PDB file of N, CA and C in Angstrom:
ATOM      1  N   UNK A   1     -10.755 -10.284 -16.241  1.00  0.00           N
ATOM      2  CA  UNK A   1     -12.273 -10.478 -15.566  1.00  0.00           C
ATOM      3  C   UNK A   1     -13.365  -8.635 -16.027  1.00  0.00           C
ATOM      4  N   UNK A   2     -14.122  -8.559 -17.009  1.00  0.00           N
ATOM      5  CA  UNK A   2     -15.004  -6.651 -16.355  1.00  0.00           C
ATOM      6  C   UNK A   2     -15.126  -7.321 -15.937  1.00  0.00           C
ATOM      7  N   UNK A   3     -15.725  -6.164 -15.191  1.00  0.00           N
ATOM      8  CA  UNK A   3     -16.901  -5.628 -14.121  1.00  0.00           C
ATOM      9  C   UNK A   3     -17.154  -4.380 -14.620  1.00  0.00           C
ATOM     10  N   UNK A   4     -18.770  -3.886 -13.538  1.00  0.00           N
ATOM     11  CA  UNK A   4     -18.845  -2.727 -13.973  1.00  0.00           C
ATOM     12  C   UNK A   4     -19.022  -1.698 -13.050  1.00  0.00           C
ATOM     13  N   UNK A   5     -18.761  -0.186 -13.656  1.00  0.00           N
ATOM     14  CA  UNK A   5     -18.727   0.666 -11.926  1.00  0.00           C
ATOM     15  C   UNK A   5     -19.667   1.590 -12.593  1.00  0.00           C
ATOM     16  N   UNK A   6     -20.530   2.259 -11.441  1.00  0.00           N
ATOM     17  CA  UNK A   6     -21.145   3.392 -11.445  1.00  0.00           C
ATOM     18  C   UNK A   6     -20.745   4.321 -11.223  1.00  0.00           C
ATOM     19  N   UNK A   7     -20.830   5.145 -12.458  1.00  0.00           N
ATOM     20  CA  UNK A   7     -20.548   6.799 -11.873  1.00  0.00           C
ATOM     21  C   UNK A   7     -21.037   7.373 -11.484  1.00  0.00           C
ATOM     22  N   UNK A   8     -21.689   7.513 -10.239  1.00  0.00           N
ATOM     23  CA  UNK A   8     -22.268   8.533  -9.727  1.00  0.00           C
ATOM     24  C   UNK A   8     -22.728  10.661 -10.482  1.00  0.00           C
ATOM     25  N   UNK A   9     -20.995  10.645 -10.488  1.00  0.00           N
ATOM     26  CA  UNK A   9     -21.069  12.398 -10.713  1.00  0.00           C
ATOM     27  C   UNK A   9     -21.457  12.576 -12.400  1.00  0.00           C
ATOM     28  N   UNK A  10     -20.921  11.287 -13.163  1.00  0.00           N
ATOM     29  CA  UNK A  10     -21.811  11.754 -14.311  1.00  0.00           C
ATOM     30  C   UNK A  10     -23.703  11.362 -14.609  1.00  0.00           C
ATOM     31  N   UNK A  11     -23.905  10.794 -13.844  1.00  0.00           N
ATOM     32  CA  UNK A  11     -25.402   9.848 -13.796  1.00  0.00           C
ATOM     33  C   UNK A  11     -25.799  11.575 -13.423  1.00  0.00           C
ATOM     34  N   UNK A  12     -25.787  12.170 -12.286  1.00  0.00           N
ATOM     35  CA  UNK A  12     -26.445  13.367 -12.160  1.00  0.00           C
ATOM     36  C   UNK A  12     -25.902  14.366 -12.947  1.00  0.00           C
ATOM     37  N   UNK A  13     -25.026  15.005 -13.346  1.00  0.00           N
ATOM     38  CA  UNK A  13     -25.336  15.466 -13.971  1.00  0.00           C
ATOM     39  C   UNK A  13     -25.451  14.977 -16.154  1.00  0.00           C
ATOM     40  N   UNK A  14     -25.212  13.755 -16.284  1.00  0.00           N
ATOM     41  CA  UNK A  14     -26.709  13.874 -17.276  1.00  0.00           C
ATOM     42  C   UNK A  14     -28.120  13.298 -17.050  1.00  0.00           C
ATOM     43  N   UNK A  15     -28.551  12.632 -15.655  1.00  0.00           N
ATOM     44  CA  UNK A  15     -29.673  12.846 -15.567  1.00  0.00           C
ATOM     45  C   UNK A  15     -30.323  11.732 -16.536  1.00  0.00           C
ATOM     46  N   UNK A  16     -29.647  10.914 -16.123  1.00  0.00           N
ATOM     47  CA  UNK A  16     -29.402   9.055 -16.629  1.00  0.00           C
ATOM     48  C   UNK A  16     -27.974   8.007 -15.782  1.00  0.00           C
ATOM     49  N   UNK A  17     -28.792   6.976 -15.914  1.00  0.00           N
ATOM     50  CA  UNK A  17     -26.942   5.927 -15.438  1.00  0.00           C
ATOM     51  C   UNK A  17     -26.275   5.790 -16.470  1.00  0.00           C
ATOM     52  N   UNK A  18     -25.359   6.226 -15.204  1.00  0.00           N
ATOM     53  CA  UNK A  18     -23.582   5.880 -16.588  1.00  0.00           C
ATOM     54  C   UNK A  18     -22.914   5.196 -15.917  1.00  0.00           C
ATOM     55  N   UNK A  19     -22.564   4.048 -17.000  1.00  0.00           N
ATOM     56  CA  UNK A  19     -22.513   3.285 -16.501  1.00  0.00           C
ATOM     57  C   UNK A  19     -20.803   2.692 -17.033  1.00  0.00           C
ATOM     58  N   UNK A  20     -19.628   2.397 -16.014  1.00  0.00           N
ATOM     59  CA  UNK A  20     -18.505   2.540 -16.972  1.00  0.00           C
ATOM     60  C   UNK A  20     -18.165   0.411 -17.129  1.00  0.00           C
ATOM     61  N   UNK A  21     -17.363  -0.179 -17.928  1.00  0.00           N
ATOM     62  CA  UNK A  21     -16.754  -1.422 -17.890  1.00  0.00           C
ATOM     63  C   UNK A  21     -15.509  -0.825 -17.463  1.00  0.00           C
ATOM     64  N   UNK A  22     -14.919  -2.072 -17.067  1.00  0.00           N
ATOM     65  CA  UNK A  22     -13.586  -1.896 -15.679  1.00  0.00           C
ATOM     66  C   UNK A  22     -13.261  -3.850 -16.599  1.00  0.00           C
ATOM     67  N   UNK A  23     -11.796  -3.705 -16.920  1.00  0.00           N
ATOM     68  CA  UNK A  23     -11.458  -4.759 -17.494  1.00  0.00           C
ATOM     69  C   UNK A  23     -10.614  -4.470 -16.839  1.00  0.00           C
ATOM     70  N   UNK A  24     -10.393  -6.023 -15.713  1.00  0.00           N
ATOM     71  CA  UNK A  24      -9.536  -6.264 -14.497  1.00  0.00           C
ATOM     72  C   UNK A  24      -8.428  -7.223 -15.581  1.00  0.00           C
ATOM     73  N   UNK A  25      -8.536  -7.706 -16.142  1.00  0.00           N
ATOM     74  CA  UNK A  25      -7.717  -8.061 -16.460  1.00  0.00           C
ATOM     75  C   UNK A  25      -6.036  -7.904 -16.712  1.00  0.00           C
ATOM     76  N   UNK A  26      -4.826  -8.800 -16.059  1.00  0.00           N
ATOM     77  CA  UNK A  26      -3.494  -8.354 -16.119  1.00  0.00           C
ATOM     78  C   UNK A  26      -3.452  -8.032 -17.719  1.00  0.00           C
ATOM     79  N   UNK A  27      -2.180  -6.751 -17.385  1.00  0.00           N
ATOM     80  CA  UNK A  27      -1.966  -6.745 -19.294  1.00  0.00           C
ATOM     81  C   UNK A  27      -0.742  -7.430 -19.550  1.00  0.00           C
ATOM     82  N   UNK A  28      -0.437  -7.823 -20.498  1.00  0.00           N
ATOM     83  CA  UNK A  28       0.582  -8.554 -20.601  1.00  0.00           C
ATOM     84  C   UNK A  28       1.365  -8.315 -20.048  1.00  0.00           C
ATOM     85  N   UNK A  29       3.395  -8.871 -19.910  1.00  0.00           N
ATOM     86  CA  UNK A  29       4.222  -8.739 -19.563  1.00  0.00           C
ATOM     87  C   UNK A  29       4.993  -7.661 -19.762  1.00  0.00           C
ATOM     88  N   UNK A  30       4.651  -8.154 -21.467  1.00  0.00           N
ATOM     89  CA  UNK A  30       5.170  -7.506 -22.834  1.00  0.00           C
ATOM     90  C   UNK A  30       4.928  -6.343 -22.458  1.00  0.00           C
ATOM     91  N   UNK A  31       3.845  -5.744 -22.635  1.00  0.00           N
ATOM     92  CA  UNK A  31       3.146  -4.212 -22.426  1.00  0.00           C
ATOM     93  C   UNK A  31       3.950  -3.606 -21.474  1.00  0.00           C
ATOM     94  N   UNK A  32       4.044  -4.397 -19.766  1.00  0.00           N
ATOM     95  CA  UNK A  32       5.405  -3.603 -19.409  1.00  0.00           C
ATOM     96  C   UNK A  32       6.371  -3.848 -19.172  1.00  0.00           C
ATOM     97  N   UNK A  33       6.928  -4.302 -19.753  1.00  0.00           N
ATOM     98  CA  UNK A  33       8.383  -4.244 -20.058  1.00  0.00           C
ATOM     99  C   UNK A  33       8.744  -2.814 -21.594  1.00  0.00           C
ATOM    100  N   UNK A  34       7.907  -3.681 -22.105  1.00  0.00           N
ATOM    101  CA  UNK A  34       7.849  -1.626 -23.199  1.00  0.00           C
ATOM    102  C   UNK A  34       7.697  -0.479 -22.594  1.00  0.00           C
ATOM    103  N   UNK A  35       6.804  -0.322 -21.246  1.00  0.00           N
ATOM    104  CA  UNK A  35       6.482   0.330 -21.402  1.00  0.00           C
ATOM    105  C   UNK A  35       7.751   1.258 -19.806  1.00  0.00           C
ATOM    106  N   UNK A  36       8.021  -0.047 -19.355  1.00  0.00           N
ATOM    107  CA  UNK A  36       9.286   0.477 -18.505  1.00  0.00           C
ATOM    108  C   UNK A  36      10.696   0.932 -19.163  1.00  0.00           C
ATOM    109  N   UNK A  37      10.840   0.981 -20.711  1.00  0.00           N
ATOM    110  CA  UNK A  37      11.932   0.821 -21.754  1.00  0.00           C
ATOM    111  C   UNK A  37      11.401   2.544 -21.472  1.00  0.00           C
ATOM    112  N   UNK A  38      10.781   2.238 -21.642  1.00  0.00           N
ATOM    113  CA  UNK A  38      10.324   4.157 -22.412  1.00  0.00           C
ATOM    114  C   UNK A  38      10.602   4.949 -21.222  1.00  0.00           C
ATOM    115  N   UNK A  39      10.056   4.512 -19.806  1.00  0.00           N
ATOM    116  CA  UNK A  39      10.165   5.420 -18.897  1.00  0.00           C
ATOM    117  C   UNK A  39      12.030   5.551 -18.706  1.00  0.00           C
ATOM    118  N   UNK A  40      12.752   4.326 -19.204  1.00  0.00           N
ATOM    119  CA  UNK A  40      14.329   4.419 -17.812  1.00  0.00           C
ATOM    120  C   UNK A  40      14.600   5.822 -19.455  1.00  0.00           C
ATOM    121  N   UNK A  41      13.999   5.955 -20.698  1.00  0.00           N
ATOM    122  CA  UNK A  41      14.939   6.713 -21.788  1.00  0.00           C
ATOM    123  C   UNK A  41      14.508   8.532 -22.229  1.00  0.00           C
ATOM    124  N   UNK A  42      13.545   8.621 -20.779  1.00  0.00           N
ATOM    125  CA  UNK A  42      13.324   9.605 -20.294  1.00  0.00           C
ATOM    126  C   UNK A  42      14.237  10.359 -20.054  1.00  0.00           C
ATOM    127  N   UNK A  43      14.752  11.726 -20.265  1.00  0.00           N
ATOM    128  CA  UNK A  43      15.765  12.804 -20.016  1.00  0.00           C
ATOM    129  C   UNK A  43      15.053  13.642 -18.864  1.00  0.00           C
ATOM    130  N   UNK A  44      14.645  13.465 -19.026  1.00  0.00           N
ATOM    131  CA  UNK A  44      13.970  15.268 -18.204  1.00  0.00           C
ATOM    132  C   UNK A  44      14.184  14.789 -16.690  1.00  0.00           C
ATOM    133  N   UNK A  45      15.083  15.662 -15.716  1.00  0.00           N
ATOM    134  CA  UNK A  45      15.320  15.480 -14.511  1.00  0.00           C
ATOM    135  C   UNK A  45      14.463  15.372 -13.062  1.00  0.00           C
ATOM    136  N   UNK A  46      13.528  16.048 -13.302  1.00  0.00           N
ATOM    137  CA  UNK A  46      12.431  16.188 -11.777  1.00  0.00           C
ATOM    138  C   UNK A  46      11.862  15.192 -12.576  1.00  0.00           C
ATOM    139  N   UNK A  47      11.453  14.439 -14.192  1.00  0.00           N
ATOM    140  CA  UNK A  47      11.000  13.193 -14.411  1.00  0.00           C
ATOM    141  C   UNK A  47      11.951  11.765 -13.334  1.00  0.00           C
ATOM    142  N   UNK A  48      12.488  12.039 -13.825  1.00  0.00           N
ATOM    143  CA  UNK A  48      13.828  11.274 -13.512  1.00  0.00           C
ATOM    144  C   UNK A  48      13.823  11.116 -11.697  1.00  0.00           C
ATOM    145  N   UNK A  49      13.523  12.226 -11.028  1.00  0.00           N
ATOM    146  CA  UNK A  49      14.345  11.742  -9.640  1.00  0.00           C
ATOM    147  C   UNK A  49      12.020  11.097  -9.081  1.00  0.00           C
ATOM    148  N   UNK A  50      11.092  11.970  -9.762  1.00  0.00           N
ATOM    149  CA  UNK A  50      10.035  10.997  -9.143  1.00  0.00           C
ATOM    150  C   UNK A  50      10.004   9.742  -9.532  1.00  0.00           C
ATOM    151  N   UNK A  51      11.111   9.392 -10.748  1.00  0.00           N
ATOM    152  CA  UNK A  51      10.614   7.912 -11.016  1.00  0.00           C
ATOM    153  C   UNK A  51      11.702   6.708 -10.039  1.00  0.00           C
ATOM    154  N   UNK A  52      12.743   7.200  -9.973  1.00  0.00           N
ATOM    155  CA  UNK A  52      13.610   6.948  -9.003  1.00  0.00           C
ATOM    156  C   UNK A  52      13.030   6.891  -7.337  1.00  0.00           C
ATOM    157  N   UNK A  53      12.081   7.404  -6.647  1.00  0.00           N
ATOM    158  CA  UNK A  53      11.713   7.367  -5.341  1.00  0.00           C
ATOM    159  C   UNK A  53      10.534   6.587  -5.428  1.00  0.00           C
ATOM    160  N   UNK A  54       9.758   5.952  -6.931  1.00  0.00           N
ATOM    161  CA  UNK A  54       9.047   4.537  -7.137  1.00  0.00           C
ATOM    162  C   UNK A  54       9.287   3.920  -7.301  1.00  0.00           C
ATOM    163  N   UNK A  55      10.816   3.441  -7.941  1.00  0.00           N
ATOM    164  CA  UNK A  55      11.639   2.499  -8.229  1.00  0.00           C
ATOM    165  C   UNK A  55      11.630   1.356  -7.474  1.00  0.00           C
ATOM    166  N   UNK A  56      11.426   1.187  -6.497  1.00  0.00           N
ATOM    167  CA  UNK A  56      11.297   0.408  -5.786  1.00  0.00           C
ATOM    168  C   UNK A  56      10.094  -0.360  -5.250  1.00  0.00           C
ATOM    169  N   UNK A  57       9.038   0.034  -5.981  1.00  0.00           N
ATOM    170  CA  UNK A  57       7.615  -0.455  -5.343  1.00  0.00           C
ATOM    171  C   UNK A  57       7.526  -1.523  -5.427  1.00  0.00           C
ATOM    172  N   UNK A  58       6.779  -2.448  -5.087  1.00  0.00           N
ATOM    173  CA  UNK A  58       6.922  -3.921  -4.396  1.00  0.00           C
ATOM    174  C   UNK A  58       7.537  -5.003  -4.570  1.00  0.00           C
ATOM    175  N   UNK A  59       8.404  -4.321  -4.316  1.00  0.00           N
ATOM    176  CA  UNK A  59      10.359  -4.564  -3.037  1.00  0.00           C
ATOM    177  C   UNK A  59       9.667  -5.354  -2.248  1.00  0.00           C
ATOM    178  N   UNK A  60       9.085  -4.000  -1.339  1.00  0.00           N
ATOM    179  CA  UNK A  60       8.752  -5.081   0.193  1.00  0.00           C
ATOM    180  C   UNK A  60       9.527  -3.897   0.940  1.00  0.00           C
ATOM    181  N   UNK A  61      10.359  -2.844   0.534  1.00  0.00           N
ATOM    182  CA  UNK A  61      11.336  -1.552   1.257  1.00  0.00           C
ATOM    183  C   UNK A  61      10.835  -0.456   0.177  1.00  0.00           C
ATOM    184  N   UNK A  62      10.113  -0.594  -0.936  1.00  0.00           N
ATOM    185  CA  UNK A  62       9.598   1.202  -1.587  1.00  0.00           C
ATOM    186  C   UNK A  62       9.233   1.644  -0.690  1.00  0.00           C
ATOM    187  N   UNK A  63       9.461   2.720  -0.959  1.00  0.00           N
ATOM    188  CA  UNK A  63       8.710   4.071   0.004  1.00  0.00           C
ATOM    189  C   UNK A  63       7.546   4.186   0.005  1.00  0.00           C
ATOM    190  N   UNK A  64       6.886   4.008  -1.304  1.00  0.00           N
ATOM    191  CA  UNK A  64       4.871   3.725  -1.429  1.00  0.00           C
ATOM    192  C   UNK A  64       4.804   1.923  -1.030  1.00  0.00           C
ATOM    193  N   UNK A  65       5.329   1.501  -0.810  1.00  0.00           N
ATOM    194  CA  UNK A  65       4.916   0.206  -0.799  1.00  0.00           C
ATOM    195  C   UNK A  65       4.043   0.058   0.835  1.00  0.00           C
ATOM    196  N   UNK A  66       2.565  -0.880   0.745  1.00  0.00           N
ATOM    197  CA  UNK A  66       2.483  -0.848   2.569  1.00  0.00           C
ATOM    198  C   UNK A  66       2.755  -1.833   2.907  1.00  0.00           C
ATOM    199  N   UNK A  67       2.316  -2.721   4.288  1.00  0.00           N
ATOM    200  CA  UNK A  67       2.573  -3.185   4.901  1.00  0.00           C
ATOM    201  C   UNK A  67       2.093  -4.856   3.881  1.00  0.00           C
ATOM    202  N   UNK A  68       0.920  -4.258   3.606  1.00  0.00           N
ATOM    203  CA  UNK A  68       0.428  -5.660   2.790  1.00  0.00           C
ATOM    204  C   UNK A  68       0.760  -6.376   1.550  1.00  0.00           C
ATOM    205  N   UNK A  69       2.018  -5.419   0.897  1.00  0.00           N
ATOM    206  CA  UNK A  69       1.997  -5.462  -0.347  1.00  0.00           C
ATOM    207  C   UNK A  69       3.357  -7.098   0.025  1.00  0.00           C
ATOM    208  N   UNK A  70       2.880  -8.002  -0.926  1.00  0.00           N
ATOM    209  CA  UNK A  70       3.902  -9.199  -1.241  1.00  0.00           C
ATOM    210  C   UNK A  70       5.074  -9.312  -1.799  1.00  0.00           C
ATOM    211  N   UNK A  71       6.401  -8.684  -1.377  1.00  0.00           N
ATOM    212  CA  UNK A  71       7.555  -8.881  -2.432  1.00  0.00           C
ATOM    213  C   UNK A  71       8.033 -10.146  -3.166  1.00  0.00           C
ATOM    214  N   UNK A  72       7.367 -11.053  -2.908  1.00  0.00           N
ATOM    215  CA  UNK A  72       7.234 -12.519  -3.761  1.00  0.00           C
ATOM    216  C   UNK A  72       6.220 -11.718  -4.836  1.00  0.00           C
ATOM    217  N   UNK A  73       5.650 -11.588  -4.998  1.00  0.00           N
ATOM    218  CA  UNK A  73       4.510 -11.133  -5.981  1.00  0.00           C
ATOM    219  C   UNK A  73       5.538 -10.501  -7.531  1.00  0.00           C
ATOM    220  N   UNK A  74       5.459 -11.340  -8.896  1.00  0.00           N
ATOM    221  CA  UNK A  74       6.036  -9.970  -9.819  1.00  0.00           C
ATOM    222  C   UNK A  74       5.353  -8.694  -9.214  1.00  0.00           C
ATOM    223  N   UNK A  75       6.015  -8.251 -10.941  1.00  0.00           N
ATOM    224  CA  UNK A  75       5.818  -6.257 -11.015  1.00  0.00           C
ATOM    225  C   UNK A  75       4.579  -5.823 -11.281  1.00  0.00           C
ATOM    226  N   UNK A  76       4.107  -6.756 -11.926  1.00  0.00           N
ATOM    227  CA  UNK A  76       2.670  -6.705 -12.637  1.00  0.00           C
ATOM    228  C   UNK A  76       1.781  -6.608 -11.499  1.00  0.00           C
ATOM    229  N   UNK A  77       2.241  -7.088 -10.448  1.00  0.00           N
ATOM    230  CA  UNK A  77       0.582  -7.468  -8.824  1.00  0.00           C
ATOM    231  C   UNK A  77       1.277  -6.866  -7.628  1.00  0.00           C
ATOM    232  N   UNK A  78       2.841  -6.053  -7.483  1.00  0.00           N
ATOM    233  CA  UNK A  78       3.216  -6.082  -6.111  1.00  0.00           C
ATOM    234  C   UNK A  78       2.498  -4.957  -6.402  1.00  0.00           C
ATOM    235  N   UNK A  79       1.878  -3.751  -5.554  1.00  0.00           N
ATOM    236  CA  UNK A  79       1.463  -2.336  -5.251  1.00  0.00           C
ATOM    237  C   UNK A  79       0.897  -2.066  -6.768  1.00  0.00           C
ATOM    238  N   UNK A  80       0.609  -2.659  -7.777  1.00  0.00           N
ATOM    239  CA  UNK A  80       0.125  -2.347  -8.900  1.00  0.00           C
ATOM    240  C   UNK A  80       1.337  -2.174  -9.705  1.00  0.00           C
ATOM    241  N   UNK A  81       1.327  -1.487 -10.524  1.00  0.00           N
ATOM    242  CA  UNK A  81       2.221  -1.048 -12.340  1.00  0.00           C
ATOM    243  C   UNK A  81       3.265  -0.080 -11.843  1.00  0.00           C
ATOM    244  N   UNK A  82       2.960   0.111 -10.950  1.00  0.00           N
ATOM    245  CA  UNK A  82       4.088   1.317  -9.897  1.00  0.00           C
ATOM    246  C   UNK A  82       3.465   2.729 -10.014  1.00  0.00           C
ATOM    247  N   UNK A  83       2.183   2.803  -9.693  1.00  0.00           N
ATOM    248  CA  UNK A  83       1.795   3.428  -8.810  1.00  0.00           C
ATOM    249  C   UNK A  83       0.687   4.421 -10.302  1.00  0.00           C
ATOM    250  N   UNK A  84       0.158   5.271  -9.204  1.00  0.00           N
ATOM    251  CA  UNK A  84      -0.174   6.769  -9.503  1.00  0.00           C
ATOM    252  C   UNK A  84       0.499   7.661 -10.452  1.00  0.00           C
ATOM    253  N   UNK A  85       1.556   7.869  -9.629  1.00  0.00           N
ATOM    254  CA  UNK A  85       3.162   8.849 -10.255  1.00  0.00           C
ATOM    255  C   UNK A  85       3.490   8.495 -11.082  1.00  0.00           C
ATOM    256  N   UNK A  86       3.882   7.291 -11.334  1.00  0.00           N
ATOM    257  CA  UNK A  86       4.095   6.693 -12.520  1.00  0.00           C
ATOM    258  C   UNK A  86       3.442   6.886 -13.264  1.00  0.00           C
ATOM    259  N   UNK A  87       1.639   6.149 -13.403  1.00  0.00           N
ATOM    260  CA  UNK A  87       0.784   6.257 -14.637  1.00  0.00           C
ATOM    261  C   UNK A  87       0.656   7.565 -14.628  1.00  0.00           C
ATOM    262  N   UNK A  88       0.912   9.276 -14.038  1.00  0.00           N
ATOM    263  CA  UNK A  88       1.454  10.844 -14.702  1.00  0.00           C
ATOM    264  C   UNK A  88       2.355  10.581 -15.231  1.00  0.00           C
ATOM    265  N   UNK A  89       3.619   9.959 -14.965  1.00  0.00           N
ATOM    266  CA  UNK A  89       4.465  10.762 -15.597  1.00  0.00           C
ATOM    267  C   UNK A  89       4.357   9.850 -17.002  1.00  0.00           C
ATOM    268  N   UNK A  90       4.219   8.589 -16.894  1.00  0.00           N
ATOM    269  CA  UNK A  90       3.639   8.095 -18.106  1.00  0.00           C
ATOM    270  C   UNK A  90       3.467   9.045 -19.760  1.00  0.00           C
ATOM    271  N   UNK A  91       1.817   9.097 -18.943  1.00  0.00           N
ATOM    272  CA  UNK A  91       1.016   9.841 -19.492  1.00  0.00           C
ATOM    273  C   UNK A  91       1.681  11.114 -20.785  1.00  0.00           C
ATOM    274  N   UNK A  92       1.906  11.768 -19.166  1.00  0.00           N
ATOM    275  CA  UNK A  92       2.580  12.831 -19.387  1.00  0.00           C
ATOM    276  C   UNK A  92       3.314  13.131 -20.828  1.00  0.00           C
ATOM    277  N   UNK A  93       4.437  11.938 -21.168  1.00  0.00           N
ATOM    278  CA  UNK A  93       5.387  12.181 -21.618  1.00  0.00           C
ATOM    279  C   UNK A  93       4.968  10.839 -23.028  1.00  0.00           C
ATOM    280  N   UNK A  94       4.319  10.322 -23.265  1.00  0.00           N
ATOM    281  CA  UNK A  94       3.104   9.970 -24.403  1.00  0.00           C
ATOM    282  C   UNK A  94       3.358   8.185 -24.509  1.00  0.00           C
ATOM    283  N   UNK A  95       3.005   7.620 -22.993  1.00  0.00           N
ATOM    284  CA  UNK A  95       4.166   6.714 -22.506  1.00  0.00           C
ATOM    285  C   UNK A  95       2.418   5.864 -22.772  1.00  0.00           C
ATOM    286  N   UNK A  96       2.268   4.489 -23.389  1.00  0.00           N
ATOM    287  CA  UNK A  96       1.415   3.704 -22.735  1.00  0.00           C
ATOM    288  C   UNK A  96       1.147   2.196 -21.515  1.00  0.00           C
ATOM    289  N   UNK A  97       0.729   3.411 -20.352  1.00  0.00           N
ATOM    290  CA  UNK A  97       1.491   2.345 -19.068  1.00  0.00           C
ATOM    291  C   UNK A  97       0.234   1.774 -18.801  1.00  0.00           C
ATOM    292  N   UNK A  98       0.307   0.174 -18.649  1.00  0.00           N
ATOM    293  CA  UNK A  98      -0.949  -0.726 -18.544  1.00  0.00           C
ATOM    294  C   UNK A  98      -1.240  -0.626 -17.205  1.00  0.00           C
ATOM    295  N   UNK A  99      -2.093  -0.311 -16.477  1.00  0.00           N
ATOM    296  CA  UNK A  99      -2.902  -0.155 -15.604  1.00  0.00           C
ATOM    297  C   UNK A  99      -2.635  -1.198 -14.709  1.00  0.00           C
ATOM    298  N   UNK A 100      -2.741  -0.969 -12.982  1.00  0.00           N
ATOM    299  CA  UNK A 100      -2.676  -1.909 -12.618  1.00  0.00           C
ATOM    300  C   UNK A 100      -3.717  -2.769 -11.912  1.00  0.00           C
ATOM    301  N   UNK A 101      -3.682  -4.044 -11.919  1.00  0.00           N
ATOM    302  CA  UNK A 101      -5.249  -4.490 -11.492  1.00  0.00           C
ATOM    303  C   UNK A 101      -5.758  -4.324  -9.991  1.00  0.00           C
TER     304      UNK A 101
END
């Protein structure tokens, strides 16, 4: 589903309304699995440690899980796609990581 988000900061800077189109539809599981395979292949020690901290996200017992996360949900829905930290690591290593819904 597509939604629109008003960007107040950009609107102020450009002196006109700026609206961004946001696609909320979930990414195909195949894209997520491909990204996870590429993340697993990273050999950088710091990245490995950070990914290990977030590896249990969505399981219900992960460090980043909140009380409201449902561990029965699939990885794409349970706590997003691994969190902002995983997305930053993926970006740093040039991995296209699907955004959480």
